Protein backbone atom coordinates (compact mmCIF):
# COMPACT_ATOMS: atom_id res chain seq x y z
CA MET A 1 25.71 71.23 -55.05
CA LEU A 2 24.49 67.53 -55.65
CA VAL A 3 21.37 67.46 -53.43
CA PHE A 4 19.35 64.14 -53.32
CA HIS A 5 15.88 64.30 -53.44
CA SER A 6 13.12 62.98 -55.51
CA ALA A 7 13.25 63.18 -59.57
CA CYS A 8 11.78 62.23 -62.44
CA ARG A 9 11.34 63.45 -66.63
CA ARG A 10 9.04 66.30 -67.57
CA SER A 11 6.41 64.02 -68.35
CA PRO A 12 2.36 64.81 -68.23
CA LEU A 13 2.55 61.59 -66.88
CA CYS A 14 4.58 61.96 -63.65
CA SER A 15 2.97 61.18 -60.74
CA LEU A 16 5.22 63.70 -59.18
CA ALA A 17 4.40 66.75 -60.61
CA LEU A 18 0.83 68.27 -60.02
CA ILE A 19 -1.59 66.43 -61.84
CA THR A 20 -4.34 63.58 -60.65
CA PHE A 21 -5.21 60.75 -63.30
CA VAL A 22 -7.34 58.07 -62.99
CA ARG A 23 -6.61 54.65 -63.68
CA CYS A 24 -7.05 52.56 -66.46
CA ALA A 25 -10.88 51.32 -66.87
CA ALA A 26 -12.26 47.90 -66.28
CA GLY A 27 -12.08 45.81 -69.94
CA GLY A 28 -10.70 42.78 -71.31
CA THR A 29 -7.17 43.15 -71.98
CA PRO A 30 -5.87 41.55 -75.70
CA ALA A 31 -2.55 39.78 -75.81
CA ILE A 32 0.52 41.67 -75.41
CA ALA A 33 2.89 41.17 -78.59
CA THR A 34 6.66 41.56 -79.71
CA SER A 35 7.85 44.42 -81.65
CA PRO A 36 10.97 43.45 -84.02
CA SER A 37 12.42 46.80 -83.49
CA VAL A 38 13.83 47.31 -80.13
CA THR A 39 16.39 44.82 -78.84
CA ALA A 40 17.48 45.32 -75.17
CA ALA A 41 20.63 47.38 -73.81
CA SER A 42 23.68 45.41 -72.48
CA GLU A 43 24.10 47.73 -69.46
CA PRO A 44 22.36 50.02 -67.96
CA THR A 45 22.93 54.39 -68.89
CA THR A 46 20.86 55.34 -66.60
CA VAL A 47 19.60 54.04 -62.70
CA CYS A 48 17.76 54.94 -59.83
CA ALA A 49 17.92 54.44 -56.66
CA THR A 50 16.45 54.40 -52.68
CA HIS A 51 18.42 55.53 -50.20
CA ILE A 52 18.90 55.49 -46.28
CA VAL A 53 21.07 58.68 -45.48
CA VAL A 54 22.71 59.84 -41.93
CA ARG A 55 24.08 62.62 -41.15
CA TYR A 56 26.12 63.94 -38.90
CA TRP A 57 27.83 67.20 -37.71
CA GLY A 58 29.50 68.62 -40.39
CA THR A 59 28.09 66.70 -43.86
CA ILE A 60 26.26 68.82 -46.11
CA GLY A 61 22.99 68.77 -45.78
CA ALA A 62 23.10 68.33 -41.37
CA VAL A 63 20.39 70.17 -39.62
CA ILE A 64 20.28 69.24 -36.22
CA ALA A 65 23.10 66.75 -36.04
CA THR A 66 25.77 66.86 -32.98
CA ARG A 67 26.16 63.42 -33.61
CA THR A 68 30.04 62.28 -34.63
CA SER A 69 30.61 59.84 -37.45
CA PRO A 70 31.49 57.69 -35.50
CA THR A 71 28.64 56.45 -33.94
CA ALA A 72 26.61 57.62 -37.66
CA ARG A 73 28.33 54.74 -38.84
CA VAL A 74 27.15 52.75 -35.99
CA TYR A 75 23.82 54.01 -36.79
CA ALA A 76 23.91 52.86 -40.78
CA THR A 77 25.41 49.49 -39.82
CA GLU A 78 22.02 49.51 -37.56
CA ALA A 79 19.48 50.08 -40.73
CA LEU A 80 21.51 48.05 -42.72
CA ALA A 81 21.42 45.03 -40.96
CA LYS A 82 17.59 45.62 -41.24
CA ALA A 83 17.83 46.39 -44.84
CA LEU A 84 19.51 42.79 -45.94
CA GLU A 85 16.91 41.11 -44.13
CA PRO A 86 14.32 39.18 -46.91
CA ASN A 87 11.63 40.86 -47.88
CA ALA A 88 12.99 44.21 -45.79
CA ASP A 89 11.29 47.79 -46.32
CA LEU A 90 14.04 49.90 -46.53
CA GLU A 91 11.16 53.35 -47.22
CA ALA A 92 9.63 51.97 -43.16
CA ILE A 93 13.81 51.07 -42.01
CA GLY A 94 14.29 54.61 -43.32
CA ARG A 95 10.94 55.98 -41.29
CA GLU A 96 12.15 54.07 -38.42
CA PHE A 97 15.71 55.44 -37.80
CA LYS A 98 14.71 59.34 -38.13
CA LYS A 99 12.04 58.30 -35.77
CA GLN A 100 14.45 57.45 -33.21
CA TYR A 101 17.73 58.81 -34.14
CA GLY A 102 16.37 62.64 -36.33
CA ASP A 103 18.26 64.01 -39.33
CA ILE A 104 17.99 60.33 -41.07
CA ASP A 105 16.19 61.01 -44.08
CA VAL A 106 15.19 57.86 -46.78
CA MET A 107 14.83 59.66 -49.94
CA ARG A 108 15.36 58.22 -54.07
CA THR A 109 16.79 59.90 -56.45
CA GLY A 110 15.08 59.65 -59.52
CA PRO A 111 16.59 58.97 -63.12
CA PHE A 112 20.95 59.87 -63.05
CA SER A 113 24.20 58.95 -65.30
CA ARG A 114 27.82 58.66 -64.65
CA GLY A 115 28.77 61.88 -63.52
CA GLN A 116 25.73 63.04 -61.66
CA MET A 117 26.17 61.74 -58.17
CA PRO A 118 28.85 61.38 -55.94
CA LYS A 119 30.98 59.06 -56.73
CA GLY A 120 31.26 56.91 -53.90
CA PHE A 121 26.82 56.78 -54.33
CA GLU A 122 27.42 56.42 -58.02
CA ASP A 123 29.85 53.72 -58.36
CA VAL A 124 27.72 52.16 -55.42
CA VAL A 125 24.69 51.91 -57.80
CA PHE A 126 26.17 50.63 -60.79
CA SER A 127 27.63 48.15 -58.89
CA LEU A 128 23.92 46.66 -58.47
CA ARG A 129 21.11 44.40 -59.37
CA PRO A 130 17.95 45.99 -60.09
CA GLY A 131 16.11 45.91 -56.30
CA GLN A 132 19.33 44.73 -54.80
CA VAL A 133 20.73 46.00 -51.68
CA ALA A 134 24.60 47.11 -51.18
CA ASP A 135 25.98 45.13 -48.23
CA GLN A 136 28.14 47.67 -47.11
CA VAL A 137 27.20 51.60 -46.08
CA ALA A 138 28.48 54.26 -49.26
CA ALA A 139 30.38 57.19 -47.21
CA THR A 140 29.89 60.61 -49.40
CA PRO A 141 29.97 64.23 -48.41
CA TYR A 142 26.00 64.31 -47.52
CA GLY A 143 27.09 61.22 -44.45
CA PHE A 144 26.23 57.91 -44.86
CA HIS A 145 24.05 55.84 -46.85
CA ILE A 146 22.59 52.67 -47.39
CA ILE A 147 21.48 51.94 -50.96
CA ARG A 148 18.82 50.00 -52.94
CA ARG A 149 19.26 50.24 -56.81
CA ASN A 150 15.87 50.07 -57.86
CA PRO A 151 14.47 48.74 -61.22
CA THR A 152 13.73 50.89 -63.92
CA VAL A 153 11.70 50.87 -67.67
CA ARG A 154 12.32 53.38 -70.50
CA CYS A 155 8.75 53.76 -72.56
CA ARG A 156 7.86 55.20 -75.88
CA HIS A 157 4.31 56.09 -76.28
CA ILE A 158 1.83 57.33 -77.75
CA LEU A 159 -1.54 58.86 -76.70
CA LEU A 160 -4.40 59.61 -79.11
CA ALA A 161 -6.75 62.40 -76.87
CA TYR A 162 -10.16 62.79 -76.59
CA GLU A 163 -12.85 65.82 -76.37
CA GLY A 164 -13.52 66.46 -72.33
CA ALA A 165 -10.19 65.08 -71.36
CA SER A 166 -7.26 66.30 -69.14
CA ARG A 167 -4.83 68.95 -71.13
CA SER A 168 -6.82 68.45 -73.91
CA ILE A 169 -7.60 70.13 -77.03
CA ALA A 170 -9.27 67.51 -79.22
CA THR A 171 -12.13 67.55 -80.66
CA ARG A 172 -12.22 64.00 -81.53
CA THR A 173 -14.82 61.13 -79.13
CA ARG A 174 -13.98 58.99 -76.50
CA ASP A 175 -14.99 56.57 -78.73
CA GLU A 176 -13.41 57.63 -81.63
CA ALA A 177 -10.12 57.83 -80.02
CA ARG A 178 -9.71 54.45 -78.64
CA HIS A 179 -11.30 53.57 -82.83
CA LEU A 180 -8.24 55.21 -83.71
CA ALA A 181 -5.83 54.02 -81.30
CA GLU A 182 -7.07 50.49 -82.08
CA GLY A 183 -6.23 50.80 -85.55
CA LEU A 184 -2.46 52.17 -84.68
CA ARG A 185 -2.07 49.72 -82.93
CA GLU A 186 -2.43 46.69 -85.58
CA GLN A 187 0.02 48.13 -87.68
CA LEU A 188 3.01 49.09 -84.82
CA LEU A 189 2.54 45.42 -84.63
CA LYS A 190 3.31 44.65 -88.62
CA PRO A 191 7.02 43.71 -89.09
CA GLY A 192 8.97 46.66 -89.59
CA ALA A 193 6.70 49.97 -87.90
CA ASN A 194 8.52 52.89 -86.63
CA PHE A 195 6.91 53.05 -83.50
CA VAL A 196 9.21 56.68 -83.12
CA ALA A 197 7.49 57.88 -86.31
CA PHE A 198 3.85 56.73 -85.83
CA ALA A 199 4.34 58.86 -82.31
CA ARG A 200 6.17 62.24 -83.87
CA ARG A 201 2.67 61.74 -86.48
CA HIS A 202 -0.37 60.77 -84.70
CA SER A 203 0.82 61.05 -80.67
CA ASP A 204 -1.27 63.87 -78.99
CA ALA A 205 1.04 64.35 -75.53
CA PRO A 206 3.80 66.53 -76.02
CA ASP A 207 6.59 64.62 -75.76
CA ALA A 208 5.48 63.36 -79.50
CA VAL A 209 8.43 65.37 -81.17
CA GLY A 210 10.88 62.78 -79.34
CA GLY A 211 9.20 60.28 -80.31
CA GLY A 212 6.79 59.54 -77.22
CA ASP A 213 10.25 58.37 -75.05
CA VAL A 214 9.17 59.85 -71.89
CA GLY A 215 12.53 58.21 -70.13
CA VAL A 216 13.37 55.82 -67.69
CA PHE A 217 11.77 55.74 -64.53
CA ASP A 218 10.80 53.15 -61.13
CA ARG A 219 7.87 52.31 -59.17
CA GLY A 220 6.06 55.00 -57.58
CA MET A 221 6.66 58.16 -60.41
CA MET A 222 4.18 57.10 -63.09
CA ILE A 223 0.10 57.15 -62.81
CA ALA A 224 -0.44 53.96 -61.19
CA ALA A 225 -1.90 52.68 -64.73
CA PHE A 226 0.63 53.27 -67.21
CA GLU A 227 3.61 52.20 -64.83
CA LYS A 228 1.42 49.16 -64.19
CA ALA A 229 1.68 48.30 -68.44
CA ALA A 230 5.29 49.56 -68.58
CA PHE A 231 6.84 47.03 -65.65
CA ALA A 232 4.84 44.09 -67.54
CA LEU A 233 6.72 44.89 -70.40
CA GLN A 234 9.45 43.08 -72.03
CA VAL A 235 11.90 45.32 -74.12
CA GLY A 236 10.96 45.55 -77.47
CA GLN A 237 6.69 44.64 -76.20
CA ILE A 238 4.05 46.66 -77.00
CA SER A 239 0.78 46.98 -74.69
CA PRO A 240 -2.60 46.55 -75.15
CA LEU A 241 -4.86 49.95 -75.25
CA VAL A 242 -3.73 52.11 -71.42
CA GLU A 243 -6.68 54.39 -70.52
CA THR A 244 -5.80 57.15 -68.02
CA ARG A 245 -7.86 61.23 -67.84
CA PHE A 246 -5.61 61.62 -70.71
CA GLY A 247 -6.78 59.33 -72.83
CA PHE A 248 -6.39 55.54 -74.76
CA HIS A 249 -1.71 55.17 -74.73
CA ILE A 250 0.06 52.57 -76.75
CA ILE A 251 2.98 52.17 -74.98
CA GLN A 252 6.66 50.40 -76.60
CA ARG A 253 8.77 49.16 -73.39
CA ILE A 254 12.54 50.05 -74.88
CA ASP A 255 14.73 49.35 -71.78
């Protein structure tokens, strides 16, 4: 059975895990540079969405809903009208309708590809632009949905940890880690530099074996400093150093 839920890749950077991160230390921000090794994908293979689901009697997951399908559709249509207003807050609308009518939730899907969600839901999400709300209510066995496709990025990173950083077994000092990270970044900005190879060789993160790929994520899924830097990048760009409680990160956006 498919269940809608908030989800994320199993990365130590994920803010949905039981890990607390610190924001990036204040300081100067070097210019963002572009690596020649990455090009933008023409079509997304993985997307994320936020949706309001209005349940009715007999739908999957209905707990207290005794309303009929026609009544649920009326509520969903009302919620959709609000969601299509300029600068609408989908999450706030979902909470408002839940409080008023009950057995209505607003959820995030986490990253998914085709074949992982009910077709009526999936087709709508893949038809939308990032940030767009569907102009029609979608129906699935879970109920009626008001759907927004969330802007996403996909990144890889290199982590240089130091003694005292969270989960670190490194013995280098913080200054040594910063110096090493700065040197690696300079090398990565050179033509032909292979970020994946550098990550596998130098990164202290568990995802180093995969070239530092943390997968696709939307806002709210990652530590704030990491997320801010990632969303500021264009495809192929390499970030300035980003510090978290895990150490210093060099981030490259790949989609």
